[in-house]
PDB file of N, CA and C in Angstrom:
ATOM      1  N   MET A   1       7.659  35.395  10.560  1.00  0.00           N
ATOM      2  CA  MET A   1       7.141  34.254   9.907  1.00  0.00           C
ATOM      3  C   MET A   1       7.190  33.085  10.916  1.00  0.00           C
ATOM      4  N   ALA A   2       6.082  32.469  11.168  1.00  0.00           N
ATOM      5  CA  ALA A   2       5.999  31.355  12.099  1.00  0.00           C
ATOM      6  C   ALA A   2       6.477  30.072  11.478  1.00  0.00           C
ATOM      7  N   THR A   3       7.153  29.268  12.234  1.00  0.00           N
ATOM      8  CA  THR A   3       7.647  27.976  11.750  1.00  0.00           C
ATOM      9  C   THR A   3       6.524  26.960  11.821  1.00  0.00           C
ATOM     10  N   GLN A   4       6.313  26.248  10.759  1.00  0.00           N
ATOM     11  CA  GLN A   4       5.335  25.197  10.709  1.00  0.00           C
ATOM     12  C   GLN A   4       5.868  23.926  11.311  1.00  0.00           C
ATOM     13  N   THR A   5       4.994  23.184  11.916  1.00  0.00           N
ATOM     14  CA  THR A   5       5.400  21.897  12.415  1.00  0.00           C
ATOM     15  C   THR A   5       5.261  20.832  11.326  1.00  0.00           C
ATOM     16  N   GLY A   6       6.015  19.829  11.448  1.00  0.00           N
ATOM     17  CA  GLY A   6       5.952  18.742  10.475  1.00  0.00           C
ATOM     18  C   GLY A   6       7.241  17.900  10.635  1.00  0.00           C
ATOM     19  N   PHE A   7       7.169  16.694  10.165  1.00  0.00           N
ATOM     20  CA  PHE A   7       8.330  15.830  10.258  1.00  0.00           C
ATOM     21  C   PHE A   7       8.379  14.897   9.063  1.00  0.00           C
ATOM     22  N   PHE A   8       9.552  14.357   8.816  1.00  0.00           N
ATOM     23  CA  PHE A   8       9.675  13.388   7.712  1.00  0.00           C
ATOM     24  C   PHE A   8       9.196  12.029   8.158  1.00  0.00           C
ATOM     25  N   LYS A   9       8.530  11.356   7.300  1.00  0.00           N
ATOM     26  CA  LYS A   9       8.074   9.992   7.521  1.00  0.00           C
ATOM     27  C   LYS A   9       8.624   9.162   6.370  1.00  0.00           C
ATOM     28  N   PHE A  10       9.242   8.055   6.656  1.00  0.00           N
ATOM     29  CA  PHE A  10       9.837   7.220   5.658  1.00  0.00           C
ATOM     30  C   PHE A  10       9.047   5.852   5.572  1.00  0.00           C
ATOM     31  N   VAL A  11       8.663   5.524   4.389  1.00  0.00           N
ATOM     32  CA  VAL A  11       7.871   4.338   4.159  1.00  0.00           C
ATOM     33  C   VAL A  11       8.556   3.432   3.107  1.00  0.00           C
ATOM     34  N   ARG A  12       8.760   2.191   3.454  1.00  0.00           N
ATOM     35  CA  ARG A  12       9.331   1.232   2.486  1.00  0.00           C
ATOM     36  C   ARG A  12       8.198   0.459   1.808  1.00  0.00           C
ATOM     37  N   SER A  13       8.222   0.426   0.487  1.00  0.00           N
ATOM     38  CA  SER A  13       7.223  -0.317  -0.276  1.00  0.00           C
ATOM     39  C   SER A  13       7.880  -0.874  -1.537  1.00  0.00           C
ATOM     40  N   LYS A  14       7.736  -2.155  -1.713  1.00  0.00           N
ATOM     41  CA  LYS A  14       8.281  -2.878  -2.887  1.00  0.00           C
ATOM     42  C   LYS A  14       9.746  -2.582  -3.129  1.00  0.00           C
ATOM     43  N   GLY A  15      10.494  -2.522  -2.043  1.00  0.00           N
ATOM     44  CA  GLY A  15      11.942  -2.325  -2.177  1.00  0.00           C
ATOM     45  C   GLY A  15      12.377  -0.874  -2.311  1.00  0.00           C
ATOM     46  N   ASN A  16      11.440   0.040  -2.359  1.00  0.00           N
ATOM     47  CA  ASN A  16      11.779   1.478  -2.456  1.00  0.00           C
ATOM     48  C   ASN A  16      11.471   2.182  -1.162  1.00  0.00           C
ATOM     49  N   LEU A  17      12.232   3.230  -0.862  1.00  0.00           N
ATOM     50  CA  LEU A  17      12.022   4.029   0.326  1.00  0.00           C
ATOM     51  C   LEU A  17      11.442   5.363  -0.105  1.00  0.00           C
ATOM     52  N   TYR A  18      10.271   5.748   0.419  1.00  0.00           N
ATOM     53  CA  TYR A  18       9.582   6.957   0.037  1.00  0.00           C
ATOM     54  C   TYR A  18       9.627   7.934   1.187  1.00  0.00           C
ATOM     55  N   VAL A  19       9.693   9.227   0.846  1.00  0.00           N
ATOM     56  CA  VAL A  19       9.748  10.299   1.852  1.00  0.00           C
ATOM     57  C   VAL A  19       8.447  11.092   1.813  1.00  0.00           C
ATOM     58  N   TYR A  20       7.878  11.326   3.003  1.00  0.00           N
ATOM     59  CA  TYR A  20       6.664  12.089   3.137  1.00  0.00           C
ATOM     60  C   TYR A  20       6.871  13.155   4.204  1.00  0.00           C
ATOM     61  N   LEU A  21       6.211  14.282   4.072  1.00  0.00           N
ATOM     62  CA  LEU A  21       6.114  15.296   5.100  1.00  0.00           C
ATOM     63  C   LEU A  21       4.814  15.012   5.816  1.00  0.00           C
ATOM     64  N   ALA A  22       4.891  14.825   7.134  1.00  0.00           N
ATOM     65  CA  ALA A  22       3.737  14.428   7.931  1.00  0.00           C
ATOM     66  C   ALA A  22       3.567  15.383   9.112  1.00  0.00           C
ATOM     67  N   LYS A  23       2.401  15.285   9.716  1.00  0.00           N
ATOM     68  CA  LYS A  23       2.097  16.090  10.870  1.00  0.00           C
ATOM     69  C   LYS A  23       1.294  15.256  11.853  1.00  0.00           C
ATOM     70  N   GLY A  24       1.571  15.388  13.125  1.00  0.00           N
ATOM     71  CA  GLY A  24       0.853  14.663  14.171  1.00  0.00           C
ATOM     72  C   GLY A  24      -0.279  15.513  14.696  1.00  0.00           C
ATOM     73  N   ILE A  25      -1.440  14.932  14.768  1.00  0.00           N
ATOM     74  CA  ILE A  25      -2.640  15.621  15.304  1.00  0.00           C
ATOM     75  C   ILE A  25      -3.342  14.693  16.310  1.00  0.00           C
ATOM     76  N   ARG A  26      -4.273  15.264  17.060  1.00  0.00           N
ATOM     77  CA  ARG A  26      -5.077  14.480  17.965  1.00  0.00           C
ATOM     78  C   ARG A  26      -6.557  14.557  17.537  1.00  0.00           C
ATOM     79  N   ILE A  27      -7.157  13.373  17.421  1.00  0.00           N
ATOM     80  CA  ILE A  27      -8.569  13.301  17.082  1.00  0.00           C
ATOM     81  C   ILE A  27      -9.220  12.445  18.150  1.00  0.00           C
ATOM     82  N   ASP A  28     -10.174  13.001  18.856  1.00  0.00           N
ATOM     83  CA  ASP A  28     -10.882  12.330  19.954  1.00  0.00           C
ATOM     84  C   ASP A  28      -9.879  11.767  20.974  1.00  0.00           C
ATOM     85  N   GLY A  29      -8.837  12.510  21.256  1.00  0.00           N
ATOM     86  CA  GLY A  29      -7.871  12.074  22.272  1.00  0.00           C
ATOM     87  C   GLY A  29      -6.840  11.081  21.750  1.00  0.00           C
ATOM     88  N   LYS A  30      -6.931  10.652  20.504  1.00  0.00           N
ATOM     89  CA  LYS A  30      -5.986   9.672  19.974  1.00  0.00           C
ATOM     90  C   LYS A  30      -5.025  10.350  18.999  1.00  0.00           C
ATOM     91  N   LYS A  31      -3.765   9.935  19.015  1.00  0.00           N
ATOM     92  CA  LYS A  31      -2.770  10.482  18.107  1.00  0.00           C
ATOM     93  C   LYS A  31      -2.967   9.933  16.702  1.00  0.00           C
ATOM     94  N   LYS A  32      -2.889  10.793  15.741  1.00  0.00           N
ATOM     95  CA  LYS A  32      -2.956  10.400  14.324  1.00  0.00           C
ATOM     96  C   LYS A  32      -1.835  11.098  13.587  1.00  0.00           C
ATOM     97  N   THR A  33      -1.319  10.455  12.584  1.00  0.00           N
ATOM     98  CA  THR A  33      -0.326  11.023  11.719  1.00  0.00           C
ATOM     99  C   THR A  33      -0.958  11.219  10.336  1.00  0.00           C
ATOM    100  N   ILE A  34      -0.960  12.445   9.876  1.00  0.00           N
ATOM    101  CA  ILE A  34      -1.511  12.717   8.511  1.00  0.00           C
ATOM    102  C   ILE A  34      -0.383  13.109   7.598  1.00  0.00           C
ATOM    103  N   THR A  35      -0.453  12.658   6.385  1.00  0.00           N
ATOM    104  CA  THR A  35       0.569  13.002   5.389  1.00  0.00           C
ATOM    105  C   THR A  35       0.181  14.349   4.764  1.00  0.00           C
ATOM    106  N   ILE A  36       1.135  15.253   4.767  1.00  0.00           N
ATOM    107  CA  ILE A  36       0.914  16.573   4.193  1.00  0.00           C
ATOM    108  C   ILE A  36       1.385  16.601   2.741  1.00  0.00           C
ATOM    109  N   TYR A  37       2.531  15.985   2.459  1.00  0.00           N
ATOM    110  CA  TYR A  37       3.056  16.035   1.111  1.00  0.00           C
ATOM    111  C   TYR A  37       3.961  14.825   0.837  1.00  0.00           C
ATOM    112  N   SER A  38       3.923  14.338  -0.362  1.00  0.00           N
ATOM    113  CA  SER A  38       4.774  13.205  -0.776  1.00  0.00           C
ATOM    114  C   SER A  38       5.916  13.734  -1.639  1.00  0.00           C
ATOM    115  N   PHE A  39       7.166  13.434  -1.202  1.00  0.00           N
ATOM    116  CA  PHE A  39       8.333  13.829  -1.988  1.00  0.00           C
ATOM    117  C   PHE A  39       8.763  12.752  -2.983  1.00  0.00           C
ATOM    118  N   GLY A  40       8.212  11.540  -2.874  1.00  0.00           N
ATOM    119  CA  GLY A  40       8.593  10.460  -3.780  1.00  0.00           C
ATOM    120  C   GLY A  40       9.693   9.617  -3.195  1.00  0.00           C
ATOM    121  N   LYS A  41      10.377   8.841  -4.095  1.00  0.00           N
ATOM    122  CA  LYS A  41      11.469   7.990  -3.687  1.00  0.00           C
ATOM    123  C   LYS A  41      12.578   8.843  -3.079  1.00  0.00           C
ATOM    124  N   ILE A  42      13.261   8.281  -2.106  1.00  0.00           N
ATOM    125  CA  ILE A  42      14.292   9.060  -1.449  1.00  0.00           C
ATOM    126  C   ILE A  42      15.408   9.480  -2.402  1.00  0.00           C
ATOM    127  N   SER A  43      15.711   8.661  -3.373  1.00  0.00           N
ATOM    128  CA  SER A  43      16.750   8.993  -4.355  1.00  0.00           C
ATOM    129  C   SER A  43      16.354  10.204  -5.198  1.00  0.00           C
ATOM    130  N   GLU A  44      15.075  10.359  -5.446  1.00  0.00           N
ATOM    131  CA  GLU A  44      14.585  11.471  -6.249  1.00  0.00           C
ATOM    132  C   GLU A  44      14.187  12.663  -5.415  1.00  0.00           C
ATOM    133  N   ALA A  45      13.874  12.442  -4.139  1.00  0.00           N
ATOM    134  CA  ALA A  45      13.392  13.490  -3.290  1.00  0.00           C
ATOM    135  C   ALA A  45      14.400  14.592  -3.091  1.00  0.00           C
ATOM    136  N   LEU A  46      15.653  14.213  -2.845  1.00  0.00           N
ATOM    137  CA  LEU A  46      16.693  15.239  -2.629  1.00  0.00           C
ATOM    138  C   LEU A  46      16.930  16.061  -3.889  1.00  0.00           C
ATOM    139  N   GLU A  47      16.929  15.388  -5.021  1.00  0.00           N
ATOM    140  CA  GLU A  47      17.069  16.139  -6.330  1.00  0.00           C
ATOM    141  C   GLU A  47      15.932  17.114  -6.527  1.00  0.00           C
ATOM    142  N   LYS A  48      14.743  16.667  -6.170  1.00  0.00           N
ATOM    143  CA  LYS A  48      13.552  17.569  -6.306  1.00  0.00           C
ATOM    144  C   LYS A  48      13.692  18.768  -5.397  1.00  0.00           C
ATOM    145  N   LEU A  49      14.159  18.548  -4.175  1.00  0.00           N
ATOM    146  CA  LEU A  49      14.361  19.645  -3.225  1.00  0.00           C
ATOM    147  C   LEU A  49      15.427  20.621  -3.716  1.00  0.00           C
ATOM    148  N   TYR A  50      16.517  20.094  -4.301  1.00  0.00           N
ATOM    149  CA  TYR A  50      17.571  20.954  -4.862  1.00  0.00           C
ATOM    150  C   TYR A  50      16.995  21.820  -5.984  1.00  0.00           C
ATOM    151  N   SER A  51      16.183  21.265  -6.866  1.00  0.00           N
ATOM    152  CA  SER A  51      15.656  22.042  -7.985  1.00  0.00           C
ATOM    153  C   SER A  51      14.683  23.103  -7.459  1.00  0.00           C
ATOM    154  N   TRP A  52      13.920  22.797  -6.418  1.00  0.00           N
ATOM    155  CA  TRP A  52      13.033  23.795  -5.834  1.00  0.00           C
ATOM    156  C   TRP A  52      13.846  24.949  -5.250  1.00  0.00           C
ATOM    157  N   ARG A  53      14.991  24.632  -4.634  1.00  0.00           N
ATOM    158  CA  ARG A  53      15.811  25.688  -4.014  1.00  0.00           C
ATOM    159  C   ARG A  53      16.400  26.586  -5.095  1.00  0.00           C
ATOM    160  N   GLU A  54      16.817  26.023  -6.239  1.00  0.00           N
ATOM    161  CA  GLU A  54      17.437  26.799  -7.313  1.00  0.00           C
ATOM    162  C   GLU A  54      16.413  27.744  -7.951  1.00  0.00           C
ATOM    163  N   ASN A  55      15.157  27.340  -8.018  1.00  0.00           N
ATOM    164  CA  ASN A  55      14.117  28.119  -8.698  1.00  0.00           C
ATOM    165  C   ASN A  55      12.868  28.151  -7.783  1.00  0.00           C
ATOM    166  N   PHE A  56      12.997  28.716  -6.587  1.00  0.00           N
ATOM    167  CA  PHE A  56      11.980  28.638  -5.567  1.00  0.00           C
ATOM    168  C   PHE A  56      10.636  29.251  -6.008  1.00  0.00           C
ATOM    169  N   GLU A  57      10.710  30.418  -6.576  1.00  0.00           N
ATOM    170  CA  GLU A  57       9.474  31.171  -6.926  1.00  0.00           C
ATOM    171  C   GLU A  57       8.570  30.397  -7.876  1.00  0.00           C
ATOM    172  N   GLU A  58       9.182  29.663  -8.838  1.00  0.00           N
ATOM    173  CA  GLU A  58       8.389  29.009  -9.878  1.00  0.00           C
ATOM    174  C   GLU A  58       8.111  27.532  -9.554  1.00  0.00           C
ATOM    175  N   MET A  59       9.007  26.870  -8.818  1.00  0.00           N
ATOM    176  CA  MET A  59       8.910  25.408  -8.678  1.00  0.00           C
ATOM    177  C   MET A  59       8.352  24.921  -7.371  1.00  0.00           C
ATOM    178  N   PHE A  60       8.465  25.745  -6.273  1.00  0.00           N
ATOM    179  CA  PHE A  60       8.004  25.298  -4.989  1.00  0.00           C
ATOM    180  C   PHE A  60       6.486  25.115  -5.046  1.00  0.00           C
ATOM    181  N   PRO A  61       5.981  23.963  -4.563  1.00  0.00           N
ATOM    182  CA  PRO A  61       4.542  23.653  -4.664  1.00  0.00           C
ATOM    183  C   PRO A  61       3.687  24.685  -3.943  1.00  0.00           C
ATOM    184  N   GLU A  62       2.656  25.125  -4.630  1.00  0.00           N
ATOM    185  CA  GLU A  62       1.692  26.103  -4.067  1.00  0.00           C
ATOM    186  C   GLU A  62       1.000  25.564  -2.798  1.00  0.00           C
ATOM    187  N   GLU A  63       0.733  24.262  -2.794  1.00  0.00           N
ATOM    188  CA  GLU A  63       0.068  23.703  -1.624  1.00  0.00           C
ATOM    189  C   GLU A  63       0.902  23.794  -0.356  1.00  0.00           C
ATOM    190  N   LEU A  64       2.220  23.723  -0.490  1.00  0.00           N
ATOM    191  CA  LEU A  64       3.087  23.850   0.670  1.00  0.00           C
ATOM    192  C   LEU A  64       3.149  25.338   1.147  1.00  0.00           C
ATOM    193  N   ILE A  65       3.114  26.239   0.180  1.00  0.00           N
ATOM    194  CA  ILE A  65       3.077  27.656   0.536  1.00  0.00           C
ATOM    195  C   ILE A  65       1.801  27.991   1.279  1.00  0.00           C
ATOM    196  N   GLU A  66       0.676  27.429   0.792  1.00  0.00           N
ATOM    197  CA  GLU A  66      -0.619  27.660   1.468  1.00  0.00           C
ATOM    198  C   GLU A  66      -0.630  27.073   2.894  1.00  0.00           C
ATOM    199  N   LEU A  67       0.151  26.015   3.118  1.00  0.00           N
ATOM    200  CA  LEU A  67       0.239  25.446   4.463  1.00  0.00           C
ATOM    201  C   LEU A  67       1.234  26.197   5.362  1.00  0.00           C
ATOM    202  N   GLY A  68       1.923  27.193   4.792  1.00  0.00           N
ATOM    203  CA  GLY A  68       2.828  28.006   5.572  1.00  0.00           C
ATOM    204  C   GLY A  68       4.284  27.623   5.544  1.00  0.00           C
ATOM    205  N   TYR A  69       4.698  26.790   4.558  1.00  0.00           N
ATOM    206  CA  TYR A  69       6.079  26.416   4.441  1.00  0.00           C
ATOM    207  C   TYR A  69       6.755  27.301   3.403  1.00  0.00           C
ATOM    208  N   TYR A  70       8.022  27.675   3.697  1.00  0.00           N
ATOM    209  CA  TYR A  70       8.749  28.610   2.853  1.00  0.00           C
ATOM    210  C   TYR A  70      10.176  28.158   2.602  1.00  0.00           C
ATOM    211  N   TYR A  71      10.970  29.063   2.077  1.00  0.00           N
ATOM    212  CA  TYR A  71      12.370  28.744   1.704  1.00  0.00           C
ATOM    213  C   TYR A  71      13.216  28.220   2.856  1.00  0.00           C
ATOM    214  N   ASP A  72      13.021  28.823   4.043  1.00  0.00           N
ATOM    215  CA  ASP A  72      13.772  28.378   5.231  1.00  0.00           C
ATOM    216  C   ASP A  72      13.450  26.931   5.541  1.00  0.00           C
ATOM    217  N   ASP A  73      12.206  26.554   5.428  1.00  0.00           N
ATOM    218  CA  ASP A  73      11.799  25.155   5.655  1.00  0.00           C
ATOM    219  C   ASP A  73      12.452  24.248   4.633  1.00  0.00           C
ATOM    220  N   LEU A  74      12.500  24.693   3.412  1.00  0.00           N
ATOM    221  CA  LEU A  74      13.105  23.902   2.338  1.00  0.00           C
ATOM    222  C   LEU A  74      14.589  23.659   2.621  1.00  0.00           C
ATOM    223  N   ASP A  75      15.311  24.656   3.108  1.00  0.00           N
ATOM    224  CA  ASP A  75      16.709  24.482   3.467  1.00  0.00           C
ATOM    225  C   ASP A  75      16.875  23.492   4.590  1.00  0.00           C
ATOM    226  N   GLU A  76      15.985  23.555   5.587  1.00  0.00           N
ATOM    227  CA  GLU A  76      16.031  22.601   6.697  1.00  0.00           C
ATOM    228  C   GLU A  76      15.783  21.162   6.218  1.00  0.00           C
ATOM    229  N   TRP A  77      14.853  20.999   5.286  1.00  0.00           N
ATOM    230  CA  TRP A  77      14.549  19.638   4.767  1.00  0.00           C
ATOM    231  C   TRP A  77      15.762  19.074   4.043  1.00  0.00           C
ATOM    232  N   ILE A  78      16.413  19.920   3.240  1.00  0.00           N
ATOM    233  CA  ILE A  78      17.595  19.457   2.498  1.00  0.00           C
ATOM    234  C   ILE A  78      18.680  19.058   3.469  1.00  0.00           C
ATOM    235  N   LEU A  79      18.948  19.911   4.447  1.00  0.00           N
ATOM    236  CA  LEU A  79      19.979  19.616   5.425  1.00  0.00           C
ATOM    237  C   LEU A  79      19.667  18.341   6.213  1.00  0.00           C
ATOM    238  N   THR A  80      18.410  18.156   6.531  1.00  0.00           N
ATOM    239  CA  THR A  80      17.992  16.956   7.265  1.00  0.00           C
ATOM    240  C   THR A  80      18.230  15.682   6.454  1.00  0.00           C
ATOM    241  N   LEU A  81      17.873  15.697   5.177  1.00  0.00           N
ATOM    242  CA  LEU A  81      18.080  14.505   4.342  1.00  0.00           C
ATOM    243  C   LEU A  81      19.560  14.266   4.045  1.00  0.00           C
ATOM    244  N   GLU A  82      20.336  15.361   3.942  1.00  0.00           N
ATOM    245  CA  GLU A  82      21.780  15.189   3.662  1.00  0.00           C
ATOM    246  C   GLU A  82      22.530  14.624   4.862  1.00  0.00           C
ATOM    247  N   THR A  83      22.178  15.086   6.084  1.00  0.00           N
ATOM    248  CA  THR A  83      22.931  14.705   7.258  1.00  0.00           C
ATOM    249  C   THR A  83      22.353  13.509   7.959  1.00  0.00           C
ATOM    250  N   GLY A  84      21.026  13.329   7.844  1.00  0.00           N
ATOM    251  CA  GLY A  84      20.376  12.243   8.601  1.00  0.00           C
ATOM    252  C   GLY A  84      19.978  12.656   9.999  1.00  0.00           C
ATOM    253  N   TYR A  85      20.066  13.968  10.287  1.00  0.00           N
ATOM    254  CA  TYR A  85      19.685  14.485  11.594  1.00  0.00           C
ATOM    255  C   TYR A  85      18.681  15.612  11.421  1.00  0.00           C
ATOM    256  N   SER A  86      17.722  15.698  12.342  1.00  0.00           N
ATOM    257  CA  SER A  86      16.741  16.763  12.284  1.00  0.00           C
ATOM    258  C   SER A  86      17.324  18.052  12.769  1.00  0.00           C
ATOM    259  N   LYS A  87      16.597  19.158  12.637  1.00  0.00           N
ATOM    260  CA  LYS A  87      17.116  20.478  13.080  1.00  0.00           C
ATOM    261  C   LYS A  87      17.303  20.519  14.593  1.00  0.00           C
ATOM    262  N   ARG A  88      16.669  19.608  15.330  1.00  0.00           N
ATOM    263  CA  ARG A  88      16.811  19.561  16.757  1.00  0.00           C
ATOM    264  C   ARG A  88      17.850  18.526  17.195  1.00  0.00           C
ATOM    265  N   GLY A  89      18.550  17.935  16.222  1.00  0.00           N
ATOM    266  CA  GLY A  89      19.626  16.989  16.527  1.00  0.00           C
ATOM    267  C   GLY A  89      19.222  15.558  16.692  1.00  0.00           C
ATOM    268  N   ARG A  90      17.989  15.229  16.375  1.00  0.00           N
ATOM    269  CA  ARG A  90      17.546  13.810  16.488  1.00  0.00           C
ATOM    270  C   ARG A  90      17.933  13.075  15.234  1.00  0.00           C
ATOM    271  N   LYS A  91      18.420  11.837  15.404  1.00  0.00           N
ATOM    272  CA  LYS A  91      18.790  11.005  14.290  1.00  0.00           C
ATOM    273  C   LYS A  91      17.544  10.462  13.632  1.00  0.00           C
ATOM    274  N   LEU A  92      17.556  10.496  12.318  1.00  0.00           N
ATOM    275  CA  LEU A  92      16.404   9.993  11.540  1.00  0.00           C
ATOM    276  C   LEU A  92      16.454   8.491  11.558  1.00  0.00           C
ATOM    277  N   LEU A  93      15.338   7.859  11.701  1.00  0.00           N
ATOM    278  CA  LEU A  93      15.238   6.395  11.674  1.00  0.00           C
ATOM    279  C   LEU A  93      14.843   5.978  10.273  1.00  0.00           C
ATOM    280  N   ILE A  94      15.846   5.756   9.475  1.00  0.00           N
ATOM    281  CA  ILE A  94      15.640   5.334   8.067  1.00  0.00           C
ATOM    282  C   ILE A  94      16.170   3.888   8.040  1.00  0.00           C
ATOM    283  N   ALA A  95      15.302   2.945   8.011  1.00  0.00           N
ATOM    284  CA  ALA A  95      15.657   1.519   8.063  1.00  0.00           C
ATOM    285  C   ALA A  95      16.288   1.112   6.735  1.00  0.00           C
ATOM    286  N   CYS A  96      17.490   0.631   6.839  1.00  0.00           N
ATOM    287  CA  CYS A  96      18.199  -0.026   5.720  1.00  0.00           C
ATOM    288  C   CYS A  96      18.132   0.826   4.413  1.00  0.00           C
ATOM    289  N   MET A  97      18.624   2.025   4.446  1.00  0.00           N
ATOM    290  CA  MET A  97      18.667   2.837   3.245  1.00  0.00           C
ATOM    291  C   MET A  97      19.511   2.123   2.244  1.00  0.00           C
TER     292      MET A  97
END
């Protein structure tokens, strides 16, 4: 199973911090970031990921499966949000959580 690329993107809006799964692409030689999936507010995102892990077969979004994301990716996302570090050891830049 090939590992999909993607990274967390954090956006602050109206006092709330939102979590997105994003991917970097190049269009006409310019870098673009596209949003793949929205996890919602950071406070709710981790709870949503926990519930997906408990009942993966029924609750994990079909659109993420179609994009090639699976249970291993879900575990990495949970660990990343819990620790604040990516799987490669980079510190997440979450401004003023």
